[in-house]
Amino acid sequence: MALSRRLLAPIRRCGEACQLAVGHGTPWRAVKLAAVVGTLLTVINQWEAITTDTPMNWLKVVLTYCVPYLVSTYTSVSKDLHLRREAQAVELVVYEENRDAGVRQGWE
């Protein structure tokens, strides 16, 4: 039983991370950040193509927007998972303290 729980824990965390990545406002925040950062980086990296007749490298432009989007999404999901784990740890401590207090008072 403990082995199966240990094996399933990463799968559960992955599912939780995927849910956070596509919900809770994460995609919208990532799009806004990618629009700003991607535009600035595109101007910096493609300046010659913007100001002269040099052809634009569209693959680099797309990747320039994808990278800040992915970094922002990863950061948001990582933060949310950390906060959830902290909240679960606090709940466990409170539960154990209440249980111990009940035992001391003869509730159990």
C-alpha atoms as a PDB file:
ATOM      1  CA  MET A   1       0.000   0.000   0.000  1.00  0.00           C
ATOM      2  CA  ALA A   2       2.771   2.467   0.913  1.00  0.00           C
ATOM      3  CA  LEU A   3       4.681   1.643  -2.256  1.00  0.00           C
ATOM      4  CA  SER A   4       1.681   2.301  -4.495  1.00  0.00           C
ATOM      5  CA  ARG A   5       1.034   5.599  -2.688  1.00  0.00           C
ATOM      6  CA  ARG A   6       4.659   6.572  -3.207  1.00  0.00           C
ATOM      7  CA  LEU A   7       4.471   5.689  -6.896  1.00  0.00           C
ATOM      8  CA  LEU A   8       1.194   7.543  -7.463  1.00  0.00           C
ATOM      9  CA  ALA A   9       2.254  10.735  -5.669  1.00  0.00           C
ATOM     10  CA  PRO A  10       4.272  12.158  -8.611  1.00  0.00           C
ATOM     11  CA  ILE A  11       1.396  11.398 -10.986  1.00  0.00           C
ATOM     12  CA  ARG A  12      -1.035  13.234  -8.709  1.00  0.00           C
ATOM     13  CA  ARG A  13       1.361  16.191  -8.441  1.00  0.00           C
ATOM     14  CA  CYS A  14       1.727  16.280 -12.224  1.00  0.00           C
ATOM     15  CA  GLY A  15      -2.044  16.339 -12.652  1.00  0.00           C
ATOM     16  CA  GLU A  16      -2.341  19.084 -10.057  1.00  0.00           C
ATOM     17  CA  ALA A  17       0.386  21.088 -11.796  1.00  0.00           C
ATOM     18  CA  CYS A  18      -1.362  20.722 -15.161  1.00  0.00           C
ATOM     19  CA  GLN A  19      -4.638  21.933 -13.657  1.00  0.00           C
ATOM     20  CA  LEU A  20      -2.884  24.975 -12.216  1.00  0.00           C
ATOM     21  CA  ALA A  21      -1.132  25.652 -15.542  1.00  0.00           C
ATOM     22  CA  VAL A  22      -4.401  25.896 -17.470  1.00  0.00           C
ATOM     23  CA  GLY A  23      -6.574  27.457 -14.785  1.00  0.00           C
ATOM     24  CA  HIS A  24      -6.656  29.954 -11.948  1.00  0.00           C
ATOM     25  CA  GLY A  25      -5.691  32.871 -14.218  1.00  0.00           C
ATOM     26  CA  THR A  26      -2.248  31.463 -14.955  1.00  0.00           C
ATOM     27  CA  PRO A  27      -2.548  31.491 -18.781  1.00  0.00           C
ATOM     28  CA  TRP A  28      -3.823  35.081 -18.872  1.00  0.00           C
ATOM     29  CA  ARG A  29      -0.996  36.337 -16.640  1.00  0.00           C
ATOM     30  CA  ALA A  30       1.541  34.441 -18.752  1.00  0.00           C
ATOM     31  CA  VAL A  31       0.146  35.874 -22.004  1.00  0.00           C
ATOM     32  CA  LYS A  32       0.349  39.436 -20.675  1.00  0.00           C
ATOM     33  CA  LEU A  33       3.932  38.939 -19.517  1.00  0.00           C
ATOM     34  CA  ALA A  34       4.955  37.218 -22.762  1.00  0.00           C
ATOM     35  CA  ALA A  35       3.456  40.073 -24.802  1.00  0.00           C
ATOM     36  CA  VAL A  36       5.545  42.676 -23.001  1.00  0.00           C
ATOM     37  CA  VAL A  37       8.782  40.731 -22.599  1.00  0.00           C
ATOM     38  CA  GLY A  38       8.512  39.055 -26.002  1.00  0.00           C
ATOM     39  CA  THR A  39       8.028  42.372 -27.764  1.00  0.00           C
ATOM     40  CA  LEU A  40      11.027  43.928 -26.042  1.00  0.00           C
ATOM     41  CA  LEU A  41      13.227  40.932 -26.811  1.00  0.00           C
ATOM     42  CA  THR A  42      12.025  40.804 -30.419  1.00  0.00           C
ATOM     43  CA  VAL A  43      12.946  44.448 -30.931  1.00  0.00           C
ATOM     44  CA  ILE A  44      16.370  43.808 -29.400  1.00  0.00           C
ATOM     45  CA  ASN A  45      17.045  40.549 -31.280  1.00  0.00           C
ATOM     46  CA  GLN A  46      15.528  41.499 -34.640  1.00  0.00           C
ATOM     47  CA  TRP A  47      16.544  45.165 -34.755  1.00  0.00           C
ATOM     48  CA  GLU A  48      18.380  44.798 -38.057  1.00  0.00           C
ATOM     49  CA  ALA A  49      15.364  43.109 -39.655  1.00  0.00           C
ATOM     50  CA  ILE A  50      13.050  45.824 -38.334  1.00  0.00           C
ATOM     51  CA  THR A  51      15.170  48.764 -39.468  1.00  0.00           C
ATOM     52  CA  THR A  52      16.697  47.396 -42.699  1.00  0.00           C
ATOM     53  CA  ASP A  53      15.809  45.024 -45.517  1.00  0.00           C
ATOM     54  CA  THR A  54      17.219  42.007 -43.649  1.00  0.00           C
ATOM     55  CA  PRO A  55      14.617  39.206 -43.538  1.00  0.00           C
ATOM     56  CA  MET A  56      12.866  38.555 -40.229  1.00  0.00           C
ATOM     57  CA  ASN A  57      13.597  35.173 -38.635  1.00  0.00           C
ATOM     58  CA  TRP A  58      10.039  34.182 -37.711  1.00  0.00           C
ATOM     59  CA  LEU A  59      11.041  31.043 -35.824  1.00  0.00           C
ATOM     60  CA  LYS A  60      13.138  33.169 -33.470  1.00  0.00           C
ATOM     61  CA  VAL A  61      10.249  35.618 -33.069  1.00  0.00           C
ATOM     62  CA  VAL A  62       7.851  32.821 -32.089  1.00  0.00           C
ATOM     63  CA  LEU A  63      10.365  31.340 -29.654  1.00  0.00           C
ATOM     64  CA  THR A  64      11.010  34.798 -28.210  1.00  0.00           C
ATOM     65  CA  TYR A  65       7.345  34.924 -27.160  1.00  0.00           C
ATOM     66  CA  CYS A  66       7.135  31.277 -26.066  1.00  0.00           C
ATOM     67  CA  VAL A  67      10.020  31.391 -23.598  1.00  0.00           C
ATOM     68  CA  PRO A  68       8.607  34.130 -21.296  1.00  0.00           C
ATOM     69  CA  TYR A  69       5.176  32.455 -21.481  1.00  0.00           C
ATOM     70  CA  LEU A  70       6.606  29.128 -20.325  1.00  0.00           C
ATOM     71  CA  VAL A  71       8.787  30.705 -17.630  1.00  0.00           C
ATOM     72  CA  SER A  72       5.827  32.659 -16.258  1.00  0.00           C
ATOM     73  CA  THR A  73       3.611  29.557 -16.268  1.00  0.00           C
ATOM     74  CA  TYR A  74       6.271  27.464 -14.535  1.00  0.00           C
ATOM     75  CA  THR A  75       6.807  30.135 -11.889  1.00  0.00           C
ATOM     76  CA  SER A  76       3.090  30.488 -11.168  1.00  0.00           C
ATOM     77  CA  VAL A  77       2.522  26.743 -10.923  1.00  0.00           C
ATOM     78  CA  SER A  78       5.586  26.281  -8.737  1.00  0.00           C
ATOM     79  CA  LYS A  79       4.444  29.034  -6.380  1.00  0.00           C
ATOM     80  CA  ASP A  80       0.883  27.678  -6.183  1.00  0.00           C
ATOM     81  CA  LEU A  81       2.067  24.137  -5.467  1.00  0.00           C
ATOM     82  CA  HIS A  82       4.385  25.419  -2.747  1.00  0.00           C
ATOM     83  CA  LEU A  83       1.569  27.407  -1.122  1.00  0.00           C
ATOM     84  CA  ARG A  84      -0.743  24.379  -1.241  1.00  0.00           C
ATOM     85  CA  ARG A  85       1.875  22.188   0.432  1.00  0.00           C
ATOM     86  CA  GLU A  86       2.407  24.783   3.146  1.00  0.00           C
ATOM     87  CA  ALA A  87      -1.350  25.022   3.751  1.00  0.00           C
ATOM     88  CA  GLN A  88      -1.639  21.231   3.988  1.00  0.00           C
ATOM     89  CA  ALA A  89       1.234  21.108   6.478  1.00  0.00           C
ATOM     90  CA  VAL A  90      -0.415  23.783   8.634  1.00  0.00           C
ATOM     91  CA  GLU A  91      -3.746  21.929   8.503  1.00  0.00           C
ATOM     92  CA  LEU A  92      -2.011  18.746   9.636  1.00  0.00           C
ATOM     93  CA  VAL A  93      -0.340  20.533  12.552  1.00  0.00           C
ATOM     94  CA  VAL A  94      -3.641  22.100  13.641  1.00  0.00           C
ATOM     95  CA  TYR A  95      -5.414  18.748  13.357  1.00  0.00           C
ATOM     96  CA  GLU A  96      -2.752  17.009  15.442  1.00  0.00           C
ATOM     97  CA  GLU A  97      -2.774  19.759  18.081  1.00  0.00           C
ATOM     98  CA  ASN A  98      -6.568  19.565  18.354  1.00  0.00           C
ATOM     99  CA  ARG A  99      -6.450  15.781  18.535  1.00  0.00           C
ATOM    100  CA  ASP A 100      -3.780  15.895  21.248  1.00  0.00           C
ATOM    101  CA  ALA A 101      -5.746  18.509  23.193  1.00  0.00           C
ATOM    102  CA  GLY A 102      -8.843  16.300  22.951  1.00  0.00           C
ATOM    103  CA  VAL A 103      -6.939  13.292  24.242  1.00  0.00           C
ATOM    104  CA  ARG A 104      -5.579  15.317  27.181  1.00  0.00           C
ATOM    105  CA  GLN A 105      -9.110  16.449  28.049  1.00  0.00           C
ATOM    106  CA  GLY A 106     -10.490  12.917  27.755  1.00  0.00           C
ATOM    107  CA  TRP A 107     -12.521  13.404  24.559  1.00  0.00           C
ATOM    108  CA  GLU A 108     -11.195  10.239  22.998  1.00  0.00           C
END
